[in-house]
Amino acid sequence: MIDRAGLAEFLRRRREALQPEDVGLPRGQRRRTAGLRREEVATLCHISTDYYSRLERERGPHPSEHMIASLAQGLYLSLDERDHLFRLAGHNPPARGATSEHISPGLLRIFDRLTDTPAEIVTELGETLRQTPLGVAVTGDTTRYTGPARSIGYRWFTDPATRARYHPGDHALHSRVFASGLRKMVTLRGPGSRAAHLLDLLLAGSEEFRTVWKEHEIGIHYNSVKRYVHPEVGDLELTCQTLLDPDQSHLLLVYTAVPGSESHEKLQLLSVIGPQHDMLRTPPEA
């Protein structure tokens, strides 16, 4: 059963405890509100200000699990705080660990400071949870996919458009890396896992995957430089650095170019051009 009073108080306390700079927002002038404004929280949580305001006033409909998950992420809650919020709303908390998509507050704070850098937060299956604007400009909006297509490893073997972003000379290595990574996850997570489900789909739907899978390779990795083919600025060579959140099995990937290089100049151009051309595309059906 929902605890409306407890839910309203917890939301209000968490909102008042956050400052704009904590969540990547400008402070602005004439700020009188303690912490964040309700409209700022609503924007962070992708809900209407009216809906959020009613929750703080102990009114409105019973929030769904999806709504509570959005609130927990938008308010930068820890896992313990997220679970408490779910219980106040009358729901069982989601599972923790590899299947969780709740990004830790610490990882989000780092991500929010990468405003001028291509970066993304991904799951262990290569599902993009967040991208910086420059990250979208480089690879397209990869958060918009649904179903199995959320995994870049799945898209690699099923969607030719995914390969078009990467240098042809590296395609064979990408195939080996994705197959090797999936083998590791299937062994680690076991039968019935999401990794095992992706394996079944790829074995049934991709001849190339079946061929690579038969090699039984494990531990295949990229070197630090990834080569991209951008539809507007051409070839890009970017160094990828990775930060792991071991509790959630999330990875923060940060891409940089050597200062003064041609790729560095192209990144600066993309920061001006932006991702408009990608925002107009529709992803393939999952």
C-alpha atoms as a PDB file:
ATOM      1  CA  MET A   1       0.000   0.000   0.000  1.00  0.00           C
ATOM      2  CA  ILE A   2       1.252   3.455  -0.856  1.00  0.00           C
ATOM      3  CA  ASP A   3       2.383   5.690   2.005  1.00  0.00           C
ATOM      4  CA  ARG A   4       1.413   9.042   0.523  1.00  0.00           C
ATOM      5  CA  ALA A   5       2.636  11.129   3.440  1.00  0.00           C
ATOM      6  CA  GLY A   6       5.950   9.311   3.620  1.00  0.00           C
ATOM      7  CA  LEU A   7       6.380   9.474  -0.149  1.00  0.00           C
ATOM      8  CA  ALA A   8       5.652  13.210  -0.256  1.00  0.00           C
ATOM      9  CA  GLU A   9       8.046  13.976   2.594  1.00  0.00           C
ATOM     10  CA  PHE A  10      10.865  11.858   1.134  1.00  0.00           C
ATOM     11  CA  LEU A  11      10.542  13.459  -2.290  1.00  0.00           C
ATOM     12  CA  ARG A  12      10.518  16.928  -0.790  1.00  0.00           C
ATOM     13  CA  ARG A  13      13.549  16.242   1.408  1.00  0.00           C
ATOM     14  CA  ARG A  14      15.553  14.791  -1.457  1.00  0.00           C
ATOM     15  CA  ARG A  15      14.610  17.712  -3.742  1.00  0.00           C
ATOM     16  CA  GLU A  16      15.665  20.257  -1.119  1.00  0.00           C
ATOM     17  CA  ALA A  17      18.964  18.448  -0.522  1.00  0.00           C
ATOM     18  CA  LEU A  18      20.041  18.707  -4.166  1.00  0.00           C
ATOM     19  CA  GLN A  19      21.684  21.793  -5.628  1.00  0.00           C
ATOM     20  CA  PRO A  20      21.551  22.657  -9.349  1.00  0.00           C
ATOM     21  CA  GLU A  21      25.266  22.007  -9.782  1.00  0.00           C
ATOM     22  CA  ASP A  22      24.790  18.518  -8.284  1.00  0.00           C
ATOM     23  CA  VAL A  23      22.678  17.500 -11.271  1.00  0.00           C
ATOM     24  CA  GLY A  24      24.358  19.442 -14.066  1.00  0.00           C
ATOM     25  CA  LEU A  25      21.997  22.446 -14.041  1.00  0.00           C
ATOM     26  CA  PRO A  26      22.969  26.134 -13.994  1.00  0.00           C
ATOM     27  CA  ARG A  27      22.277  27.896 -10.708  1.00  0.00           C
ATOM     28  CA  GLY A  28      21.083  31.132 -12.277  1.00  0.00           C
ATOM     29  CA  GLN A  29      20.260  34.294 -10.377  1.00  0.00           C
ATOM     30  CA  ARG A  30      17.639  35.121  -7.750  1.00  0.00           C
ATOM     31  CA  ARG A  31      17.333  31.527  -6.583  1.00  0.00           C
ATOM     32  CA  ARG A  32      15.230  31.485  -3.425  1.00  0.00           C
ATOM     33  CA  THR A  33      14.246  27.814  -3.376  1.00  0.00           C
ATOM     34  CA  ALA A  34      16.133  25.541  -0.982  1.00  0.00           C
ATOM     35  CA  GLY A  35      17.583  22.962  -3.331  1.00  0.00           C
ATOM     36  CA  LEU A  36      15.942  22.268  -6.672  1.00  0.00           C
ATOM     37  CA  ARG A  37      12.662  23.701  -7.907  1.00  0.00           C
ATOM     38  CA  ARG A  38       9.798  21.319  -8.583  1.00  0.00           C
ATOM     39  CA  GLU A  39       9.912  22.080 -12.299  1.00  0.00           C
ATOM     40  CA  GLU A  40      13.617  21.210 -12.360  1.00  0.00           C
ATOM     41  CA  VAL A  41      12.987  17.846 -10.737  1.00  0.00           C
ATOM     42  CA  ALA A  42      10.130  17.188 -13.151  1.00  0.00           C
ATOM     43  CA  THR A  43      12.438  17.877 -16.090  1.00  0.00           C
ATOM     44  CA  LEU A  44      15.125  15.568 -14.694  1.00  0.00           C
ATOM     45  CA  CYS A  45      12.531  12.825 -14.184  1.00  0.00           C
ATOM     46  CA  HIS A  46      10.823  13.337 -17.566  1.00  0.00           C
ATOM     47  CA  ILE A  47       7.410  13.966 -16.035  1.00  0.00           C
ATOM     48  CA  SER A  48       5.106  16.978 -15.859  1.00  0.00           C
ATOM     49  CA  THR A  49       5.557  19.569 -13.126  1.00  0.00           C
ATOM     50  CA  ASP A  50       1.889  19.208 -12.218  1.00  0.00           C
ATOM     51  CA  TYR A  51       2.230  15.455 -11.691  1.00  0.00           C
ATOM     52  CA  TYR A  52       5.320  15.831  -9.529  1.00  0.00           C
ATOM     53  CA  SER A  53       3.749  18.647  -7.498  1.00  0.00           C
ATOM     54  CA  ARG A  54       0.722  16.481  -6.733  1.00  0.00           C
ATOM     55  CA  LEU A  55       2.980  13.730  -5.386  1.00  0.00           C
ATOM     56  CA  GLU A  56       4.600  16.186  -2.967  1.00  0.00           C
ATOM     57  CA  ARG A  57       1.113  17.289  -1.914  1.00  0.00           C
ATOM     58  CA  GLU A  58      -0.002  13.683  -1.206  1.00  0.00           C
ATOM     59  CA  ARG A  59      -2.355  13.725  -4.176  1.00  0.00           C
ATOM     60  CA  GLY A  60      -2.641  12.269  -7.655  1.00  0.00           C
ATOM     61  CA  PRO A  61      -2.785   8.697  -8.974  1.00  0.00           C
ATOM     62  CA  HIS A  62      -0.755   5.812  -7.604  1.00  0.00           C
ATOM     63  CA  PRO A  63       2.641   6.132  -9.374  1.00  0.00           C
ATOM     64  CA  SER A  64       3.686   3.153 -11.453  1.00  0.00           C
ATOM     65  CA  GLU A  65       6.966   1.288 -11.026  1.00  0.00           C
ATOM     66  CA  HIS A  66       8.248   2.972 -14.186  1.00  0.00           C
ATOM     67  CA  MET A  67       7.400   6.390 -12.732  1.00  0.00           C
ATOM     68  CA  ILE A  68       9.141   5.601  -9.449  1.00  0.00           C
ATOM     69  CA  ALA A  69      12.238   4.430 -11.331  1.00  0.00           C
ATOM     70  CA  SER A  70      12.288   7.746 -13.209  1.00  0.00           C
ATOM     71  CA  LEU A  71      11.962   9.672  -9.956  1.00  0.00           C
ATOM     72  CA  ALA A  72      14.763   7.676  -8.342  1.00  0.00           C
ATOM     73  CA  GLN A  73      17.112   8.336 -11.249  1.00  0.00           C
ATOM     74  CA  GLY A  74      16.179  11.993 -11.652  1.00  0.00           C
ATOM     75  CA  LEU A  75      16.737  12.645  -7.939  1.00  0.00           C
ATOM     76  CA  TYR A  76      20.155  10.911  -8.029  1.00  0.00           C
ATOM     77  CA  LEU A  77      19.139   8.409  -5.355  1.00  0.00           C
ATOM     78  CA  SER A  78      21.466   5.741  -4.044  1.00  0.00           C
ATOM     79  CA  LEU A  79      20.314   2.126  -4.301  1.00  0.00           C
ATOM     80  CA  ASP A  80      19.154   2.132  -0.676  1.00  0.00           C
ATOM     81  CA  GLU A  81      17.229   5.363  -1.264  1.00  0.00           C
ATOM     82  CA  ARG A  82      15.766   4.002  -4.496  1.00  0.00           C
ATOM     83  CA  ASP A  83      14.543   0.865  -2.728  1.00  0.00           C
ATOM     84  CA  HIS A  84      13.015   2.993   0.058  1.00  0.00           C
ATOM     85  CA  LEU A  85      11.194   5.106  -2.534  1.00  0.00           C
ATOM     86  CA  PHE A  86       9.728   2.006  -4.180  1.00  0.00           C
ATOM     87  CA  ARG A  87       8.457   0.696  -0.842  1.00  0.00           C
ATOM     88  CA  LEU A  88       6.897   4.056   0.053  1.00  0.00           C
ATOM     89  CA  ALA A  89       5.046   3.905  -3.277  1.00  0.00           C
ATOM     90  CA  GLY A  90       3.784   0.395  -2.521  1.00  0.00           C
ATOM     91  CA  HIS A  91       6.069  -1.462  -4.947  1.00  0.00           C
ATOM     92  CA  ASN A  92       8.742  -4.088  -4.510  1.00  0.00           C
ATOM     93  CA  PRO A  93      12.188  -2.671  -5.330  1.00  0.00           C
ATOM     94  CA  PRO A  94      13.810  -3.887  -8.571  1.00  0.00           C
ATOM     95  CA  ALA A  95      16.666  -6.367  -8.450  1.00  0.00           C
ATOM     96  CA  ARG A  96      20.146  -5.025  -7.932  1.00  0.00           C
ATOM     97  CA  GLY A  97      23.258  -5.991  -9.842  1.00  0.00           C
ATOM     98  CA  ALA A  98      23.757  -6.840 -13.497  1.00  0.00           C
ATOM     99  CA  THR A  99      20.133  -6.395 -14.584  1.00  0.00           C
ATOM    100  CA  SER A 100      19.658  -3.040 -12.861  1.00  0.00           C
ATOM    101  CA  GLU A 101      19.564   0.106 -15.002  1.00  0.00           C
ATOM    102  CA  HIS A 102      19.651   2.526 -12.086  1.00  0.00           C
ATOM    103  CA  ILE A 103      22.826   4.576 -12.524  1.00  0.00           C
ATOM    104  CA  SER A 104      24.711   5.359  -9.325  1.00  0.00           C
ATOM    105  CA  PRO A 105      24.765   9.033  -8.237  1.00  0.00           C
ATOM    106  CA  GLY A 106      28.577   9.080  -8.306  1.00  0.00           C
ATOM    107  CA  LEU A 107      28.740   7.895 -11.897  1.00  0.00           C
ATOM    108  CA  LEU A 108      26.067  10.404 -12.891  1.00  0.00           C
ATOM    109  CA  ARG A 109      27.974  13.267 -11.288  1.00  0.00           C
ATOM    110  CA  ILE A 110      31.065  12.394 -13.300  1.00  0.00           C
ATOM    111  CA  PHE A 111      28.989  12.022 -16.464  1.00  0.00           C
ATOM    112  CA  ASP A 112      27.310  15.404 -15.968  1.00  0.00           C
ATOM    113  CA  ARG A 113      30.691  17.136 -16.053  1.00  0.00           C
ATOM    114  CA  LEU A 114      31.604  15.735 -19.475  1.00  0.00           C
ATOM    115  CA  THR A 115      29.601  18.333 -21.371  1.00  0.00           C
ATOM    116  CA  ASP A 116      32.268  18.914 -24.035  1.00  0.00           C
ATOM    117  CA  THR A 117      33.308  15.269 -24.490  1.00  0.00           C
ATOM    118  CA  PRO A 118      31.801  12.252 -26.266  1.00  0.00           C
ATOM    119  CA  ALA A 119      30.797   9.892 -23.462  1.00  0.00           C
ATOM    120  CA  GLU A 120      28.198   7.267 -22.642  1.00  0.00           C
ATOM    121  CA  ILE A 121      27.091   4.989 -19.827  1.00  0.00           C
ATOM    122  CA  VAL A 122      26.392   1.423 -20.931  1.00  0.00           C
ATOM    123  CA  THR A 123      25.383  -1.878 -19.356  1.00  0.00           C
ATOM    124  CA  GLU A 124      27.503  -5.017 -19.505  1.00  0.00           C
ATOM    125  CA  LEU A 125      25.554  -6.007 -22.644  1.00  0.00           C
ATOM    126  CA  GLY A 126      26.371  -2.761 -24.424  1.00  0.00           C
ATOM    127  CA  GLU A 127      22.982  -1.098 -23.874  1.00  0.00           C
ATOM    128  CA  THR A 128      23.343   2.679 -23.772  1.00  0.00           C
ATOM    129  CA  LEU A 129      21.706   4.309 -20.751  1.00  0.00           C
ATOM    130  CA  ARG A 130      23.022   7.872 -21.157  1.00  0.00           C
ATOM    131  CA  GLN A 131      24.943   9.835 -23.808  1.00  0.00           C
ATOM    132  CA  THR A 132      26.427  13.305 -23.818  1.00  0.00           C
ATOM    133  CA  PRO A 133      25.319  15.544 -26.707  1.00  0.00           C
ATOM    134  CA  LEU A 134      28.725  15.164 -28.363  1.00  0.00           C
ATOM    135  CA  GLY A 135      28.453  11.402 -27.911  1.00  0.00           C
ATOM    136  CA  VAL A 136      25.190  11.497 -29.852  1.00  0.00           C
ATOM    137  CA  ALA A 137      26.883  13.615 -32.517  1.00  0.00           C
ATOM    138  CA  VAL A 138      29.596  10.963 -32.968  1.00  0.00           C
ATOM    139  CA  THR A 139      27.621   7.695 -32.893  1.00  0.00           C
ATOM    140  CA  GLY A 140      23.978   8.723 -33.189  1.00  0.00           C
ATOM    141  CA  ASP A 141      21.356   8.396 -30.456  1.00  0.00           C
ATOM    142  CA  THR A 142      21.831   4.830 -29.239  1.00  0.00           C
ATOM    143  CA  THR A 143      19.513   5.238 -26.232  1.00  0.00           C
ATOM    144  CA  ARG A 144      16.417   5.082 -28.449  1.00  0.00           C
ATOM    145  CA  TYR A 145      16.536   1.394 -29.338  1.00  0.00           C
ATOM    146  CA  THR A 146      14.205  -1.112 -27.724  1.00  0.00           C
ATOM    147  CA  GLY A 147      14.259  -4.861 -27.150  1.00  0.00           C
ATOM    148  CA  PRO A 148      17.361  -6.861 -28.130  1.00  0.00           C
ATOM    149  CA  ALA A 149      18.449  -4.019 -30.439  1.00  0.00           C
ATOM    150  CA  ARG A 150      19.416  -2.014 -27.354  1.00  0.00           C
ATOM    151  CA  SER A 151      22.607  -4.104 -27.285  1.00  0.00           C
ATOM    152  CA  ILE A 152      25.264  -2.891 -29.720  1.00  0.00           C
ATOM    153  CA  GLY A 153      26.522  -6.468 -30.001  1.00  0.00           C
ATOM    154  CA  TYR A 154      23.125  -7.578 -31.240  1.00  0.00           C
ATOM    155  CA  ARG A 155      22.857  -4.638 -33.648  1.00  0.00           C
ATOM    156  CA  TRP A 156      26.340  -5.333 -34.973  1.00  0.00           C
ATOM    157  CA  PHE A 157      25.254  -8.681 -36.397  1.00  0.00           C
ATOM    158  CA  THR A 158      21.703  -7.694 -37.404  1.00  0.00           C
ATOM    159  CA  ASP A 159      21.712  -4.028 -38.480  1.00  0.00           C
ATOM    160  CA  PRO A 160      24.064  -2.936 -41.315  1.00  0.00           C
ATOM    161  CA  ALA A 161      23.587   0.727 -40.361  1.00  0.00           C
ATOM    162  CA  THR A 162      25.428   0.085 -37.094  1.00  0.00           C
ATOM    163  CA  ARG A 163      28.553  -1.029 -38.978  1.00  0.00           C
ATOM    164  CA  ALA A 164      28.515   2.052 -41.178  1.00  0.00           C
ATOM    165  CA  ARG A 165      29.711   4.104 -38.186  1.00  0.00           C
ATOM    166  CA  TYR A 166      32.944   2.107 -37.837  1.00  0.00           C
ATOM    167  CA  HIS A 167      36.048   1.862 -40.023  1.00  0.00           C
ATOM    168  CA  PRO A 168      35.738  -1.149 -42.407  1.00  0.00           C
ATOM    169  CA  GLY A 169      39.254  -2.260 -41.519  1.00  0.00           C
ATOM    170  CA  ASP A 170      38.114  -2.914 -37.938  1.00  0.00           C
ATOM    171  CA  HIS A 171      34.891  -4.804 -38.668  1.00  0.00           C
ATOM    172  CA  ALA A 172      36.391  -8.274 -38.213  1.00  0.00           C
ATOM    173  CA  LEU A 173      37.839  -7.269 -34.838  1.00  0.00           C
ATOM    174  CA  HIS A 174      34.496  -5.815 -33.724  1.00  0.00           C
ATOM    175  CA  SER A 175      32.798  -9.127 -34.535  1.00  0.00           C
ATOM    176  CA  ARG A 176      35.359 -11.052 -32.483  1.00  0.00           C
ATOM    177  CA  VAL A 177      35.139  -8.623 -29.560  1.00  0.00           C
ATOM    178  CA  PHE A 178      31.335  -8.751 -29.418  1.00  0.00           C
ATOM    179  CA  ALA A 179      31.218 -12.553 -29.662  1.00  0.00           C
ATOM    180  CA  SER A 180      33.947 -12.920 -27.041  1.00  0.00           C
ATOM    181  CA  GLY A 181      32.214 -10.478 -24.700  1.00  0.00           C
ATOM    182  CA  LEU A 182      28.877 -12.223 -25.036  1.00  0.00           C
ATOM    183  CA  ARG A 183      30.510 -15.589 -24.309  1.00  0.00           C
ATOM    184  CA  LYS A 184      31.918 -14.149 -21.100  1.00  0.00           C
ATOM    185  CA  MET A 185      28.509 -12.800 -20.044  1.00  0.00           C
ATOM    186  CA  VAL A 186      26.665 -16.029 -20.860  1.00  0.00           C
ATOM    187  CA  THR A 187      29.171 -18.023 -18.799  1.00  0.00           C
ATOM    188  CA  LEU A 188      29.000 -15.510 -15.950  1.00  0.00           C
ATOM    189  CA  ARG A 189      25.215 -15.033 -15.851  1.00  0.00           C
ATOM    190  CA  GLY A 190      24.129 -18.528 -16.887  1.00  0.00           C
ATOM    191  CA  PRO A 191      21.068 -20.051 -18.598  1.00  0.00           C
ATOM    192  CA  GLY A 192      17.923 -17.919 -18.541  1.00  0.00           C
ATOM    193  CA  SER A 193      19.899 -14.674 -18.379  1.00  0.00           C
ATOM    194  CA  ARG A 194      19.489 -11.783 -20.791  1.00  0.00           C
ATOM    195  CA  ALA A 195      22.901 -12.631 -22.199  1.00  0.00           C
ATOM    196  CA  ALA A 196      21.747 -16.184 -22.921  1.00  0.00           C
ATOM    197  CA  HIS A 197      18.626 -14.820 -24.638  1.00  0.00           C
ATOM    198  CA  LEU A 198      20.757 -12.614 -26.902  1.00  0.00           C
ATOM    199  CA  LEU A 199      22.922 -15.629 -27.722  1.00  0.00           C
ATOM    200  CA  ASP A 200      19.888 -17.656 -28.800  1.00  0.00           C
ATOM    201  CA  LEU A 201      18.664 -14.823 -31.011  1.00  0.00           C
ATOM    202  CA  LEU A 202      22.037 -14.318 -32.693  1.00  0.00           C
ATOM    203  CA  LEU A 203      22.640 -18.027 -33.248  1.00  0.00           C
ATOM    204  CA  ALA A 204      19.255 -18.224 -34.945  1.00  0.00           C
ATOM    205  CA  GLY A 205      19.534 -15.012 -36.948  1.00  0.00           C
ATOM    206  CA  SER A 206      23.149 -14.411 -38.021  1.00  0.00           C
ATOM    207  CA  GLU A 207      25.345 -16.729 -40.038  1.00  0.00           C
ATOM    208  CA  GLU A 208      28.372 -14.528 -39.399  1.00  0.00           C
ATOM    209  CA  PHE A 209      27.788 -14.712 -35.657  1.00  0.00           C
ATOM    210  CA  ARG A 210      27.540 -18.500 -35.794  1.00  0.00           C
ATOM    211  CA  THR A 211      30.876 -18.634 -37.639  1.00  0.00           C
ATOM    212  CA  VAL A 212      32.645 -16.362 -35.142  1.00  0.00           C
ATOM    213  CA  TRP A 213      31.021 -18.099 -32.173  1.00  0.00           C
ATOM    214  CA  LYS A 214      32.421 -21.473 -33.251  1.00  0.00           C
ATOM    215  CA  GLU A 215      35.945 -20.140 -32.737  1.00  0.00           C
ATOM    216  CA  HIS A 216      35.250 -20.132 -28.968  1.00  0.00           C
ATOM    217  CA  GLU A 217      37.404 -17.053 -28.386  1.00  0.00           C
ATOM    218  CA  ILE A 218      37.468 -15.319 -25.015  1.00  0.00           C
ATOM    219  CA  GLY A 219      39.191 -12.158 -23.799  1.00  0.00           C
ATOM    220  CA  ILE A 220      39.341 -10.396 -27.170  1.00  0.00           C
ATOM    221  CA  HIS A 221      39.701  -6.644 -26.627  1.00  0.00           C
ATOM    222  CA  TYR A 222      40.190  -3.440 -28.586  1.00  0.00           C
ATOM    223  CA  ASN A 223      43.311  -1.393 -28.375  1.00  0.00           C
ATOM    224  CA  SER A 224      42.735   2.043 -26.853  1.00  0.00           C
ATOM    225  CA  VAL A 225      41.929   3.723 -30.204  1.00  0.00           C
ATOM    226  CA  LYS A 226      38.606   3.287 -31.989  1.00  0.00           C
ATOM    227  CA  ARG A 227      38.129   4.386 -35.583  1.00  0.00           C
ATOM    228  CA  TYR A 228      34.779   5.822 -36.683  1.00  0.00           C
ATOM    229  CA  VAL A 229      33.372   6.903 -40.016  1.00  0.00           C
ATOM    230  CA  HIS A 230      31.135   9.915 -39.473  1.00  0.00           C
ATOM    231  CA  PRO A 231      28.569  10.828 -42.170  1.00  0.00           C
ATOM    232  CA  GLU A 232      29.503  14.527 -42.030  1.00  0.00           C
ATOM    233  CA  VAL A 233      33.127  14.907 -40.907  1.00  0.00           C
ATOM    234  CA  GLY A 234      34.573  11.611 -42.138  1.00  0.00           C
ATOM    235  CA  ASP A 235      37.140   9.473 -40.307  1.00  0.00           C
ATOM    236  CA  LEU A 236      37.664   9.911 -36.561  1.00  0.00           C
ATOM    237  CA  GLU A 237      40.287   8.289 -34.343  1.00  0.00           C
ATOM    238  CA  LEU A 238      39.272   8.455 -30.679  1.00  0.00           C
ATOM    239  CA  THR A 239      40.887   7.036 -27.567  1.00  0.00           C
ATOM    240  CA  CYS A 240      38.410   5.276 -25.284  1.00  0.00           C
ATOM    241  CA  GLN A 241      38.859   5.296 -21.494  1.00  0.00           C
ATOM    242  CA  THR A 242      36.589   3.162 -19.304  1.00  0.00           C
ATOM    243  CA  LEU A 243      35.372   3.587 -15.732  1.00  0.00           C
ATOM    244  CA  LEU A 244      33.573   0.612 -14.156  1.00  0.00           C
ATOM    245  CA  ASP A 245      30.862   0.746 -11.499  1.00  0.00           C
ATOM    246  CA  PRO A 246      31.244  -2.800 -10.120  1.00  0.00           C
ATOM    247  CA  ASP A 247      28.039  -2.710  -8.055  1.00  0.00           C
ATOM    248  CA  GLN A 248      25.824  -2.080 -11.090  1.00  0.00           C
ATOM    249  CA  SER A 249      28.050  -3.523 -13.857  1.00  0.00           C
ATOM    250  CA  HIS A 250      27.799  -0.180 -15.650  1.00  0.00           C
ATOM    251  CA  LEU A 251      30.599   1.288 -17.738  1.00  0.00           C
ATOM    252  CA  LEU A 252      31.340   4.959 -18.333  1.00  0.00           C
ATOM    253  CA  LEU A 253      33.066   5.258 -21.713  1.00  0.00           C
ATOM    254  CA  VAL A 254      34.857   8.532 -22.451  1.00  0.00           C
ATOM    255  CA  TYR A 255      36.226   9.278 -25.939  1.00  0.00           C
ATOM    256  CA  THR A 256      39.000  11.813 -26.588  1.00  0.00           C
ATOM    257  CA  ALA A 257      41.168  12.857 -29.515  1.00  0.00           C
ATOM    258  CA  VAL A 258      44.832  13.833 -29.453  1.00  0.00           C
ATOM    259  CA  PRO A 259      45.003  17.648 -29.109  1.00  0.00           C
ATOM    260  CA  GLY A 260      45.966  19.298 -32.386  1.00  0.00           C
ATOM    261  CA  SER A 261      45.111  16.224 -34.442  1.00  0.00           C
ATOM    262  CA  GLU A 262      42.679  16.186 -37.354  1.00  0.00           C
ATOM    263  CA  SER A 263      40.243  14.157 -35.248  1.00  0.00           C
ATOM    264  CA  HIS A 264      40.418  16.780 -32.490  1.00  0.00           C
ATOM    265  CA  GLU A 265      39.494  19.492 -34.967  1.00  0.00           C
ATOM    266  CA  LYS A 266      36.605  17.372 -36.252  1.00  0.00           C
ATOM    267  CA  LEU A 267      35.291  16.885 -32.707  1.00  0.00           C
ATOM    268  CA  GLN A 268      35.318  20.642 -32.241  1.00  0.00           C
ATOM    269  CA  LEU A 269      33.342  20.982 -35.465  1.00  0.00           C
ATOM    270  CA  LEU A 270      30.830  18.358 -34.291  1.00  0.00           C
ATOM    271  CA  SER A 271      30.351  20.249 -31.038  1.00  0.00           C
ATOM    272  CA  VAL A 272      29.042  23.104 -33.195  1.00  0.00           C
ATOM    273  CA  ILE A 273      27.127  21.024 -35.744  1.00  0.00           C
ATOM    274  CA  GLY A 274      25.502  18.866 -33.088  1.00  0.00           C
ATOM    275  CA  PRO A 275      23.480  15.681 -33.568  1.00  0.00           C
ATOM    276  CA  GLN A 276      20.568  17.123 -35.561  1.00  0.00           C
ATOM    277  CA  HIS A 277      20.931  14.731 -38.484  1.00  0.00           C
ATOM    278  CA  ASP A 278      20.695  11.718 -36.168  1.00  0.00           C
ATOM    279  CA  MET A 279      17.733  12.996 -34.226  1.00  0.00           C
ATOM    280  CA  LEU A 280      15.617  12.847 -37.346  1.00  0.00           C
ATOM    281  CA  ARG A 281      16.242   9.169 -38.020  1.00  0.00           C
ATOM    282  CA  THR A 282      14.002   6.337 -36.927  1.00  0.00           C
ATOM    283  CA  PRO A 283      15.721   3.231 -35.514  1.00  0.00           C
ATOM    284  CA  PRO A 284      14.965  -0.168 -37.024  1.00  0.00           C
ATOM    285  CA  GLU A 285      12.380  -2.345 -35.407  1.00  0.00           C
ATOM    286  CA  ALA A 286      13.770  -4.452 -32.594  1.00  0.00           C
END
